[in-house]
ModelCIF file with pLDDT and N, C-alpha, C, O atoms, coordinates in Angstrom:
data_MODEL
#
_entry.id   MODEL 
#
_entity.id                         1 
_entity.type                       polymer 
_entity.pdbx_number_of_molecules   1 
#
_entity_poly.entity_id                      1 
_entity_poly.type                           'polypeptide(L)' 
_entity_poly.nstd_linkage                   no 
_entity_poly.nstd_monomer                   no 
_entity_poly.pdbx_seq_one_letter_code       
;(UNK)(UNK)(UNK)(UNK)(UNK)(UNK)(UNK)(UNK)(UNK)(UNK)(UNK)(UNK)(UNK)(UNK)(UNK)(UNK)
(UNK)(UNK)(UNK)(UNK)(UNK)(UNK)(UNK)(UNK)(UNK)(UNK)(UNK)(UNK)(UNK)(UNK)(UNK)(UNK)
(UNK)(UNK)(UNK)(UNK)(UNK)(UNK)(UNK)(UNK)(UNK)(UNK)(UNK)(UNK)
;
_entity_poly.pdbx_seq_one_letter_code_can   XXXXXXXXXXXXXXXXXXXXXXXXXXXXXXXXXXXXXXXXXXXX 
_entity_poly.pdbx_strand_id                 A 
#
loop_
_entity_poly_seq.entity_id 
_entity_poly_seq.num 
_entity_poly_seq.mon_id 
_entity_poly_seq.hetero 
1 1  UNK n 
1 2  UNK n 
1 3  UNK n 
1 4  UNK n 
1 5  UNK n 
1 6  UNK n 
1 7  UNK n 
1 8  UNK n 
1 9  UNK n 
1 10 UNK n 
1 11 UNK n 
1 12 UNK n 
1 13 UNK n 
1 14 UNK n 
1 15 UNK n 
1 16 UNK n 
1 17 UNK n 
1 18 UNK n 
1 19 UNK n 
1 20 UNK n 
1 21 UNK n 
1 22 UNK n 
1 23 UNK n 
1 24 UNK n 
1 25 UNK n 
1 26 UNK n 
1 27 UNK n 
1 28 UNK n 
1 29 UNK n 
1 30 UNK n 
1 31 UNK n 
1 32 UNK n 
1 33 UNK n 
1 34 UNK n 
1 35 UNK n 
1 36 UNK n 
1 37 UNK n 
1 38 UNK n 
1 39 UNK n 
1 40 UNK n 
1 41 UNK n 
1 42 UNK n 
1 43 UNK n 
1 44 UNK n 
#
_struct_asym.id          A 
_struct_asym.entity_id   1 
#
loop_
_ma_qa_metric.id 
_ma_qa_metric.mode 
_ma_qa_metric.name 
_ma_qa_metric.software_group_id 
_ma_qa_metric.type 
1 global pLDDT . pLDDT 
2 local  pLDDT . pLDDT 
#
_ma_qa_metric_global.metric_id      1 
_ma_qa_metric_global.metric_value   96.05 
_ma_qa_metric_global.model_id       1 
_ma_qa_metric_global.ordinal_id     1 
#
loop_
_ma_qa_metric_local.label_asym_id 
_ma_qa_metric_local.label_comp_id 
_ma_qa_metric_local.label_seq_id 
_ma_qa_metric_local.metric_id 
_ma_qa_metric_local.metric_value 
_ma_qa_metric_local.model_id 
_ma_qa_metric_local.ordinal_id 
A UNK 1  2 98.00 1 1  
A UNK 2  2 98.00 1 2  
A UNK 3  2 98.00 1 3  
A UNK 4  2 98.00 1 4  
A UNK 5  2 98.00 1 5  
A UNK 6  2 97.00 1 6  
A UNK 7  2 97.00 1 7  
A UNK 8  2 98.00 1 8  
A UNK 9  2 97.00 1 9  
A UNK 10 2 98.00 1 10 
A UNK 11 2 98.00 1 11 
A UNK 12 2 98.00 1 12 
A UNK 13 2 98.00 1 13 
A UNK 14 2 98.00 1 14 
A UNK 15 2 98.00 1 15 
A UNK 16 2 98.00 1 16 
A UNK 17 2 98.00 1 17 
A UNK 18 2 97.00 1 18 
A UNK 19 2 96.00 1 19 
A UNK 20 2 97.00 1 20 
A UNK 21 2 97.00 1 21 
A UNK 22 2 97.00 1 22 
A UNK 23 2 96.00 1 23 
A UNK 24 2 96.00 1 24 
A UNK 25 2 97.00 1 25 
A UNK 26 2 97.00 1 26 
A UNK 27 2 97.00 1 27 
A UNK 28 2 97.00 1 28 
A UNK 29 2 98.00 1 29 
A UNK 30 2 98.00 1 30 
A UNK 31 2 98.00 1 31 
A UNK 32 2 98.00 1 32 
A UNK 33 2 98.00 1 33 
A UNK 34 2 97.00 1 34 
A UNK 35 2 95.00 1 35 
A UNK 36 2 90.00 1 36 
A UNK 37 2 87.00 1 37 
A UNK 38 2 86.00 1 38 
A UNK 39 2 87.00 1 39 
A UNK 40 2 87.00 1 40 
A UNK 41 2 92.00 1 41 
A UNK 42 2 95.00 1 42 
A UNK 43 2 96.00 1 43 
A UNK 44 2 97.00 1 44 
#
loop_
_atom_site.group_PDB 
_atom_site.id 
_atom_site.type_symbol 
_atom_site.label_atom_id 
_atom_site.label_alt_id 
_atom_site.label_comp_id 
_atom_site.label_asym_id 
_atom_site.label_entity_id 
_atom_site.label_seq_id 
_atom_site.pdbx_PDB_ins_code 
_atom_site.Cartn_x 
_atom_site.Cartn_y 
_atom_site.Cartn_z 
_atom_site.occupancy 
_atom_site.B_iso_or_equiv 
_atom_site.pdbx_formal_charge 
_atom_site.auth_seq_id 
_atom_site.auth_comp_id 
_atom_site.auth_asym_id 
_atom_site.auth_atom_id 
_atom_site.pdbx_PDB_model_num 
ATOM 1   N N  . UNK A 1 1  ? -33.841 -13.101 -15.773 1.00 98.00 ? 1  UNK A N  1 
ATOM 2   C CA . UNK A 1 1  ? -35.870 -13.668 -15.082 1.00 98.00 ? 1  UNK A CA 1 
ATOM 3   C C  . UNK A 1 1  ? -36.225 -12.650 -15.183 1.00 98.00 ? 1  UNK A C  1 
ATOM 4   O O  . UNK A 1 1  ? -36.891 -12.152 -16.091 1.00 98.00 ? 1  UNK A O  1 
ATOM 5   N N  . UNK A 1 2  ? -35.662 -12.019 -13.883 1.00 98.00 ? 2  UNK A N  1 
ATOM 6   C CA . UNK A 1 2  ? -36.741 -10.528 -13.415 1.00 98.00 ? 2  UNK A CA 1 
ATOM 7   C C  . UNK A 1 2  ? -37.041 -9.670  -14.909 1.00 98.00 ? 2  UNK A C  1 
ATOM 8   O O  . UNK A 1 2  ? -38.189 -9.393  -15.254 1.00 98.00 ? 2  UNK A O  1 
ATOM 9   N N  . UNK A 1 3  ? -36.164 -9.406  -15.497 1.00 98.00 ? 3  UNK A N  1 
ATOM 10  C CA . UNK A 1 3  ? -36.131 -8.545  -16.490 1.00 98.00 ? 3  UNK A CA 1 
ATOM 11  C C  . UNK A 1 3  ? -37.096 -9.007  -17.303 1.00 98.00 ? 3  UNK A C  1 
ATOM 12  O O  . UNK A 1 3  ? -37.932 -8.245  -17.790 1.00 98.00 ? 3  UNK A O  1 
ATOM 13  N N  . UNK A 1 4  ? -37.079 -10.479 -17.563 1.00 98.00 ? 4  UNK A N  1 
ATOM 14  C CA . UNK A 1 4  ? -37.654 -11.218 -18.762 1.00 98.00 ? 4  UNK A CA 1 
ATOM 15  C C  . UNK A 1 4  ? -39.200 -11.156 -18.077 1.00 98.00 ? 4  UNK A C  1 
ATOM 16  O O  . UNK A 1 4  ? -40.145 -10.913 -18.828 1.00 98.00 ? 4  UNK A O  1 
ATOM 17  N N  . UNK A 1 5  ? -39.339 -11.288 -17.231 1.00 98.00 ? 5  UNK A N  1 
ATOM 18  C CA . UNK A 1 5  ? -40.916 -11.402 -16.481 1.00 98.00 ? 5  UNK A CA 1 
ATOM 19  C C  . UNK A 1 5  ? -41.770 -9.980  -16.445 1.00 98.00 ? 5  UNK A C  1 
ATOM 20  O O  . UNK A 1 5  ? -42.969 -9.878  -16.705 1.00 98.00 ? 5  UNK A O  1 
ATOM 21  N N  . UNK A 1 6  ? -40.873 -8.906  -16.063 1.00 97.00 ? 6  UNK A N  1 
ATOM 22  C CA . UNK A 1 6  ? -41.115 -7.521  -16.135 1.00 97.00 ? 6  UNK A CA 1 
ATOM 23  C C  . UNK A 1 6  ? -42.001 -7.537  -18.039 1.00 97.00 ? 6  UNK A C  1 
ATOM 24  O O  . UNK A 1 6  ? -43.161 -7.272  -18.353 1.00 97.00 ? 6  UNK A O  1 
ATOM 25  N N  . UNK A 1 7  ? -40.824 -7.959  -18.889 1.00 97.00 ? 7  UNK A N  1 
ATOM 26  C CA . UNK A 1 7  ? -40.960 -7.261  -20.390 1.00 97.00 ? 7  UNK A CA 1 
ATOM 27  C C  . UNK A 1 7  ? -41.980 -8.717  -20.785 1.00 97.00 ? 7  UNK A C  1 
ATOM 28  O O  . UNK A 1 7  ? -42.195 -8.921  -21.980 1.00 97.00 ? 7  UNK A O  1 
ATOM 29  N N  . UNK A 1 8  ? -42.527 -9.606  -19.827 1.00 98.00 ? 8  UNK A N  1 
ATOM 30  C CA . UNK A 1 8  ? -43.699 -10.535 -20.496 1.00 98.00 ? 8  UNK A CA 1 
ATOM 31  C C  . UNK A 1 8  ? -44.700 -10.244 -19.437 1.00 98.00 ? 8  UNK A C  1 
ATOM 32  O O  . UNK A 1 8  ? -45.674 -10.995 -19.414 1.00 98.00 ? 8  UNK A O  1 
ATOM 33  N N  . UNK A 1 9  ? -44.639 -9.298  -18.562 1.00 97.00 ? 9  UNK A N  1 
ATOM 34  C CA . UNK A 1 9  ? -45.977 -9.070  -17.952 1.00 97.00 ? 9  UNK A CA 1 
ATOM 35  C C  . UNK A 1 9  ? -46.371 -10.149 -16.853 1.00 97.00 ? 9  UNK A C  1 
ATOM 36  O O  . UNK A 1 9  ? -47.495 -10.289 -16.372 1.00 97.00 ? 9  UNK A O  1 
ATOM 37  N N  . UNK A 1 10 ? -45.223 -10.890 -16.543 1.00 98.00 ? 10 UNK A N  1 
ATOM 38  C CA . UNK A 1 10 ? -45.539 -11.908 -15.115 1.00 98.00 ? 10 UNK A CA 1 
ATOM 39  C C  . UNK A 1 10 ? -44.716 -10.756 -13.759 1.00 98.00 ? 10 UNK A C  1 
ATOM 40  O O  . UNK A 1 10 ? -44.323 -9.593  -13.838 1.00 98.00 ? 10 UNK A O  1 
ATOM 41  N N  . UNK A 1 11 ? -44.722 -11.620 -12.757 1.00 98.00 ? 11 UNK A N  1 
ATOM 42  C CA . UNK A 1 11 ? -45.421 -10.712 -11.720 1.00 98.00 ? 11 UNK A CA 1 
ATOM 43  C C  . UNK A 1 11 ? -43.287 -11.918 -10.880 1.00 98.00 ? 11 UNK A C  1 
ATOM 44  O O  . UNK A 1 11 ? -43.342 -13.136 -10.718 1.00 98.00 ? 11 UNK A O  1 
ATOM 45  N N  . UNK A 1 12 ? -42.288 -11.329 -10.658 1.00 98.00 ? 12 UNK A N  1 
ATOM 46  C CA . UNK A 1 12 ? -41.360 -12.703 -10.480 1.00 98.00 ? 12 UNK A CA 1 
ATOM 47  C C  . UNK A 1 12 ? -40.227 -11.384 -9.282  1.00 98.00 ? 12 UNK A C  1 
ATOM 48  O O  . UNK A 1 12 ? -39.894 -10.282 -9.721  1.00 98.00 ? 12 UNK A O  1 
ATOM 49  N N  . UNK A 1 13 ? -39.958 -11.722 -8.276  1.00 98.00 ? 13 UNK A N  1 
ATOM 50  C CA . UNK A 1 13 ? -39.327 -11.085 -7.868  1.00 98.00 ? 13 UNK A CA 1 
ATOM 51  C C  . UNK A 1 13 ? -38.053 -11.867 -6.993  1.00 98.00 ? 13 UNK A C  1 
ATOM 52  O O  . UNK A 1 13 ? -38.244 -12.949 -6.438  1.00 98.00 ? 13 UNK A O  1 
ATOM 53  N N  . UNK A 1 14 ? -36.772 -11.172 -6.961  1.00 98.00 ? 14 UNK A N  1 
ATOM 54  C CA . UNK A 1 14 ? -35.634 -11.794 -6.707  1.00 98.00 ? 14 UNK A CA 1 
ATOM 55  C C  . UNK A 1 14 ? -35.446 -11.668 -5.578  1.00 98.00 ? 14 UNK A C  1 
ATOM 56  O O  . UNK A 1 14 ? -35.832 -10.658 -4.990  1.00 98.00 ? 14 UNK A O  1 
ATOM 57  N N  . UNK A 1 15 ? -34.791 -12.673 -4.954  1.00 98.00 ? 15 UNK A N  1 
ATOM 58  C CA . UNK A 1 15 ? -34.953 -13.413 -3.643  1.00 98.00 ? 15 UNK A CA 1 
ATOM 59  C C  . UNK A 1 15 ? -33.077 -13.808 -3.157  1.00 98.00 ? 15 UNK A C  1 
ATOM 60  O O  . UNK A 1 15 ? -32.212 -14.201 -3.940  1.00 98.00 ? 15 UNK A O  1 
ATOM 61  N N  . UNK A 1 16 ? -32.951 -13.601 -2.007  1.00 98.00 ? 16 UNK A N  1 
ATOM 62  C CA . UNK A 1 16 ? -31.274 -14.010 -1.967  1.00 98.00 ? 16 UNK A CA 1 
ATOM 63  C C  . UNK A 1 16 ? -31.020 -15.471 -1.682  1.00 98.00 ? 16 UNK A C  1 
ATOM 64  O O  . UNK A 1 16 ? -32.063 -16.113 -1.556  1.00 98.00 ? 16 UNK A O  1 
ATOM 65  N N  . UNK A 1 17 ? -30.050 -16.073 -1.567  1.00 98.00 ? 17 UNK A N  1 
ATOM 66  C CA . UNK A 1 17 ? -29.109 -17.451 -1.092  1.00 98.00 ? 17 UNK A CA 1 
ATOM 67  C C  . UNK A 1 17 ? -28.146 -17.193 0.414   1.00 98.00 ? 17 UNK A C  1 
ATOM 68  O O  . UNK A 1 17 ? -27.013 -17.662 0.528   1.00 98.00 ? 17 UNK A O  1 
ATOM 69  N N  . UNK A 1 18 ? -28.791 -16.412 1.452   1.00 97.00 ? 18 UNK A N  1 
ATOM 70  C CA . UNK A 1 18 ? -27.628 -16.268 2.191   1.00 97.00 ? 18 UNK A CA 1 
ATOM 71  C C  . UNK A 1 18 ? -26.900 -17.405 2.795   1.00 97.00 ? 18 UNK A C  1 
ATOM 72  O O  . UNK A 1 18 ? -27.582 -18.367 3.149   1.00 97.00 ? 18 UNK A O  1 
ATOM 73  N N  . UNK A 1 19 ? -25.649 -17.442 2.962   1.00 96.00 ? 19 UNK A N  1 
ATOM 74  C CA . UNK A 1 19 ? -24.621 -18.596 3.117   1.00 96.00 ? 19 UNK A CA 1 
ATOM 75  C C  . UNK A 1 19 ? -25.052 -19.151 4.609   1.00 96.00 ? 19 UNK A C  1 
ATOM 76  O O  . UNK A 1 19 ? -24.850 -20.358 4.743   1.00 96.00 ? 19 UNK A O  1 
ATOM 77  N N  . UNK A 1 20 ? -25.607 -18.480 5.747   1.00 97.00 ? 20 UNK A N  1 
ATOM 78  C CA . UNK A 1 20 ? -25.670 -18.776 6.764   1.00 97.00 ? 20 UNK A CA 1 
ATOM 79  C C  . UNK A 1 20 ? -27.094 -19.852 6.890   1.00 97.00 ? 20 UNK A C  1 
ATOM 80  O O  . UNK A 1 20 ? -27.528 -20.410 7.898   1.00 97.00 ? 20 UNK A O  1 
ATOM 81  N N  . UNK A 1 21 ? -27.518 -19.888 5.722   1.00 97.00 ? 21 UNK A N  1 
ATOM 82  C CA . UNK A 1 21 ? -29.009 -21.148 5.887   1.00 97.00 ? 21 UNK A CA 1 
ATOM 83  C C  . UNK A 1 21 ? -28.496 -22.205 5.525   1.00 97.00 ? 21 UNK A C  1 
ATOM 84  O O  . UNK A 1 21 ? -29.192 -23.216 5.623   1.00 97.00 ? 21 UNK A O  1 
ATOM 85  N N  . UNK A 1 22 ? -27.118 -22.322 4.991   1.00 97.00 ? 22 UNK A N  1 
ATOM 86  C CA . UNK A 1 22 ? -26.772 -23.515 4.394   1.00 97.00 ? 22 UNK A CA 1 
ATOM 87  C C  . UNK A 1 22 ? -26.675 -24.141 5.553   1.00 97.00 ? 22 UNK A C  1 
ATOM 88  O O  . UNK A 1 22 ? -26.870 -25.336 5.332   1.00 97.00 ? 22 UNK A O  1 
ATOM 89  N N  . UNK A 1 23 ? -26.452 -23.931 6.800   1.00 96.00 ? 23 UNK A N  1 
ATOM 90  C CA . UNK A 1 23 ? -26.135 -24.759 7.881   1.00 96.00 ? 23 UNK A CA 1 
ATOM 91  C C  . UNK A 1 23 ? -27.320 -25.390 8.085   1.00 96.00 ? 23 UNK A C  1 
ATOM 92  O O  . UNK A 1 23 ? -27.168 -26.542 8.488   1.00 96.00 ? 23 UNK A O  1 
ATOM 93  N N  . UNK A 1 24 ? -28.583 -25.001 7.932   1.00 96.00 ? 24 UNK A N  1 
ATOM 94  C CA . UNK A 1 24 ? -30.089 -25.612 7.952   1.00 96.00 ? 24 UNK A CA 1 
ATOM 95  C C  . UNK A 1 24 ? -29.711 -27.331 7.048   1.00 96.00 ? 24 UNK A C  1 
ATOM 96  O O  . UNK A 1 24 ? -30.254 -28.311 7.559   1.00 96.00 ? 24 UNK A O  1 
ATOM 97  N N  . UNK A 1 25 ? -28.917 -27.546 5.925   1.00 97.00 ? 25 UNK A N  1 
ATOM 98  C CA . UNK A 1 25 ? -29.182 -28.536 5.331   1.00 97.00 ? 25 UNK A CA 1 
ATOM 99  C C  . UNK A 1 25 ? -27.676 -29.956 5.853   1.00 97.00 ? 25 UNK A C  1 
ATOM 100 O O  . UNK A 1 25 ? -27.356 -30.903 5.136   1.00 97.00 ? 25 UNK A O  1 
ATOM 101 N N  . UNK A 1 26 ? -27.209 -29.703 6.902   1.00 97.00 ? 26 UNK A N  1 
ATOM 102 C CA . UNK A 1 26 ? -26.441 -29.816 7.184   1.00 97.00 ? 26 UNK A CA 1 
ATOM 103 C C  . UNK A 1 26 ? -26.955 -31.484 8.263   1.00 97.00 ? 26 UNK A C  1 
ATOM 104 O O  . UNK A 1 26 ? -27.731 -31.374 9.213   1.00 97.00 ? 26 UNK A O  1 
ATOM 105 N N  . UNK A 1 27 ? -26.436 -32.658 7.912   1.00 97.00 ? 27 UNK A N  1 
ATOM 106 C CA . UNK A 1 27 ? -26.818 -34.021 8.130   1.00 97.00 ? 27 UNK A CA 1 
ATOM 107 C C  . UNK A 1 27 ? -25.485 -34.389 8.610   1.00 97.00 ? 27 UNK A C  1 
ATOM 108 O O  . UNK A 1 27 ? -24.337 -34.151 8.237   1.00 97.00 ? 27 UNK A O  1 
ATOM 109 N N  . UNK A 1 28 ? -26.186 -35.247 9.849   1.00 97.00 ? 28 UNK A N  1 
ATOM 110 C CA . UNK A 1 28 ? -24.397 -36.420 10.394  1.00 97.00 ? 28 UNK A CA 1 
ATOM 111 C C  . UNK A 1 28 ? -24.633 -37.199 9.460   1.00 97.00 ? 28 UNK A C  1 
ATOM 112 O O  . UNK A 1 28 ? -23.554 -37.529 8.967   1.00 97.00 ? 28 UNK A O  1 
ATOM 113 N N  . UNK A 1 29 ? -25.303 -37.576 9.053   1.00 98.00 ? 29 UNK A N  1 
ATOM 114 C CA . UNK A 1 29 ? -25.667 -39.206 8.696   1.00 98.00 ? 29 UNK A CA 1 
ATOM 115 C C  . UNK A 1 29 ? -25.796 -39.408 7.176   1.00 98.00 ? 29 UNK A C  1 
ATOM 116 O O  . UNK A 1 29 ? -25.986 -40.479 6.598   1.00 98.00 ? 29 UNK A O  1 
ATOM 117 N N  . UNK A 1 30 ? -25.605 -37.699 6.419   1.00 98.00 ? 30 UNK A N  1 
ATOM 118 C CA . UNK A 1 30 ? -25.462 -37.642 4.824   1.00 98.00 ? 30 UNK A CA 1 
ATOM 119 C C  . UNK A 1 30 ? -25.113 -36.120 4.107   1.00 98.00 ? 30 UNK A C  1 
ATOM 120 O O  . UNK A 1 30 ? -25.360 -34.990 4.527   1.00 98.00 ? 30 UNK A O  1 
ATOM 121 N N  . UNK A 1 31 ? -24.668 -36.416 3.279   1.00 98.00 ? 31 UNK A N  1 
ATOM 122 C CA . UNK A 1 31 ? -24.252 -35.466 2.673   1.00 98.00 ? 31 UNK A CA 1 
ATOM 123 C C  . UNK A 1 31 ? -24.954 -34.276 2.810   1.00 98.00 ? 31 UNK A C  1 
ATOM 124 O O  . UNK A 1 31 ? -24.332 -33.224 2.952   1.00 98.00 ? 31 UNK A O  1 
ATOM 125 N N  . UNK A 1 32 ? -26.847 -34.317 2.773   1.00 98.00 ? 32 UNK A N  1 
ATOM 126 C CA . UNK A 1 32 ? -27.677 -32.942 2.810   1.00 98.00 ? 32 UNK A CA 1 
ATOM 127 C C  . UNK A 1 32 ? -28.677 -33.478 3.915   1.00 98.00 ? 32 UNK A C  1 
ATOM 128 O O  . UNK A 1 32 ? -28.345 -34.570 4.377   1.00 98.00 ? 32 UNK A O  1 
ATOM 129 N N  . UNK A 1 33 ? -29.389 -33.137 4.231   1.00 98.00 ? 33 UNK A N  1 
ATOM 130 C CA . UNK A 1 33 ? -30.598 -33.395 4.448   1.00 98.00 ? 33 UNK A CA 1 
ATOM 131 C C  . UNK A 1 33 ? -31.100 -32.699 3.620   1.00 98.00 ? 33 UNK A C  1 
ATOM 132 O O  . UNK A 1 33 ? -30.414 -31.931 2.946   1.00 98.00 ? 33 UNK A O  1 
ATOM 133 N N  . UNK A 1 34 ? -33.141 -32.867 3.400   1.00 97.00 ? 34 UNK A N  1 
ATOM 134 C CA . UNK A 1 34 ? -33.690 -31.982 2.530   1.00 97.00 ? 34 UNK A CA 1 
ATOM 135 C C  . UNK A 1 34 ? -34.603 -31.132 2.749   1.00 97.00 ? 34 UNK A C  1 
ATOM 136 O O  . UNK A 1 34 ? -35.162 -30.380 1.951   1.00 97.00 ? 34 UNK A O  1 
ATOM 137 N N  . UNK A 1 35 ? -34.785 -31.289 4.108   1.00 95.00 ? 35 UNK A N  1 
ATOM 138 C CA . UNK A 1 35 ? -35.712 -30.045 4.950   1.00 95.00 ? 35 UNK A CA 1 
ATOM 139 C C  . UNK A 1 35 ? -34.700 -30.192 6.755   1.00 95.00 ? 35 UNK A C  1 
ATOM 140 O O  . UNK A 1 35 ? -34.178 -31.058 7.457   1.00 95.00 ? 35 UNK A O  1 
ATOM 141 N N  . UNK A 1 36 ? -34.950 -28.646 6.743   1.00 90.00 ? 36 UNK A N  1 
ATOM 142 C CA . UNK A 1 36 ? -34.716 -28.902 8.426   1.00 90.00 ? 36 UNK A CA 1 
ATOM 143 C C  . UNK A 1 36 ? -36.175 -28.845 9.154   1.00 90.00 ? 36 UNK A C  1 
ATOM 144 O O  . UNK A 1 36 ? -36.904 -27.853 9.165   1.00 90.00 ? 36 UNK A O  1 
ATOM 145 N N  . UNK A 1 37 ? -36.381 -29.764 9.597   1.00 87.00 ? 37 UNK A N  1 
ATOM 146 C CA . UNK A 1 37 ? -37.731 -29.755 10.210  1.00 87.00 ? 37 UNK A CA 1 
ATOM 147 C C  . UNK A 1 37 ? -37.327 -28.960 12.078  1.00 87.00 ? 37 UNK A C  1 
ATOM 148 O O  . UNK A 1 37 ? -36.313 -28.869 12.770  1.00 87.00 ? 37 UNK A O  1 
ATOM 149 N N  . UNK A 1 38 ? -38.707 -28.566 12.215  1.00 86.00 ? 38 UNK A N  1 
ATOM 150 C CA . UNK A 1 38 ? -39.061 -27.444 12.420  1.00 86.00 ? 38 UNK A CA 1 
ATOM 151 C C  . UNK A 1 38 ? -38.457 -26.619 12.657  1.00 86.00 ? 38 UNK A C  1 
ATOM 152 O O  . UNK A 1 38 ? -38.349 -26.358 13.855  1.00 86.00 ? 38 UNK A O  1 
ATOM 153 N N  . UNK A 1 39 ? -37.749 -25.771 11.682  1.00 87.00 ? 39 UNK A N  1 
ATOM 154 C CA . UNK A 1 39 ? -37.097 -24.936 11.457  1.00 87.00 ? 39 UNK A CA 1 
ATOM 155 C C  . UNK A 1 39 ? -37.673 -24.194 10.237  1.00 87.00 ? 39 UNK A C  1 
ATOM 156 O O  . UNK A 1 39 ? -37.000 -24.423 9.232   1.00 87.00 ? 39 UNK A O  1 
ATOM 157 N N  . UNK A 1 40 ? -38.904 -23.226 9.988   1.00 87.00 ? 40 UNK A N  1 
ATOM 158 C CA . UNK A 1 40 ? -39.901 -22.561 9.420   1.00 87.00 ? 40 UNK A CA 1 
ATOM 159 C C  . UNK A 1 40 ? -38.844 -21.527 9.009   1.00 87.00 ? 40 UNK A C  1 
ATOM 160 O O  . UNK A 1 40 ? -39.278 -21.053 7.959   1.00 87.00 ? 40 UNK A O  1 
ATOM 161 N N  . UNK A 1 41 ? -37.985 -21.093 9.228   1.00 92.00 ? 41 UNK A N  1 
ATOM 162 C CA . UNK A 1 41 ? -37.521 -19.392 8.602   1.00 92.00 ? 41 UNK A CA 1 
ATOM 163 C C  . UNK A 1 41 ? -36.787 -19.549 7.598   1.00 92.00 ? 41 UNK A C  1 
ATOM 164 O O  . UNK A 1 41 ? -35.886 -20.387 7.641   1.00 92.00 ? 41 UNK A O  1 
ATOM 165 N N  . UNK A 1 42 ? -37.062 -18.583 6.184   1.00 95.00 ? 42 UNK A N  1 
ATOM 166 C CA . UNK A 1 42 ? -36.604 -19.093 4.878   1.00 95.00 ? 42 UNK A CA 1 
ATOM 167 C C  . UNK A 1 42 ? -36.665 -20.178 4.519   1.00 95.00 ? 42 UNK A C  1 
ATOM 168 O O  . UNK A 1 42 ? -35.589 -20.600 4.094   1.00 95.00 ? 42 UNK A O  1 
ATOM 169 N N  . UNK A 1 43 ? -37.946 -21.260 4.479   1.00 96.00 ? 43 UNK A N  1 
ATOM 170 C CA . UNK A 1 43 ? -38.135 -22.228 3.796   1.00 96.00 ? 43 UNK A CA 1 
ATOM 171 C C  . UNK A 1 43 ? -37.753 -21.988 2.523   1.00 96.00 ? 43 UNK A C  1 
ATOM 172 O O  . UNK A 1 43 ? -36.823 -22.581 1.976   1.00 96.00 ? 43 UNK A O  1 
ATOM 173 N N  . UNK A 1 44 ? -38.460 -21.100 1.988   1.00 97.00 ? 44 UNK A N  1 
ATOM 174 C CA . UNK A 1 44 ? -37.933 -20.693 0.061   1.00 97.00 ? 44 UNK A CA 1 
ATOM 175 C C  . UNK A 1 44 ? -36.593 -20.599 0.035   1.00 97.00 ? 44 UNK A C  1 
ATOM 176 O O  . UNK A 1 44 ? -36.012 -20.357 -1.022  1.00 97.00 ? 44 UNK A O  1 
#
């Protein structure tokens, strides 16, 4: 995607998906929760 964006003249920047942030989605009531309320770190 990044290489295609450069060729197309658009600005896209590669971002990581760190494993440790996955814990923000843990829920005691379901497989996942949709957001980590009160924690804005690494929201994207």
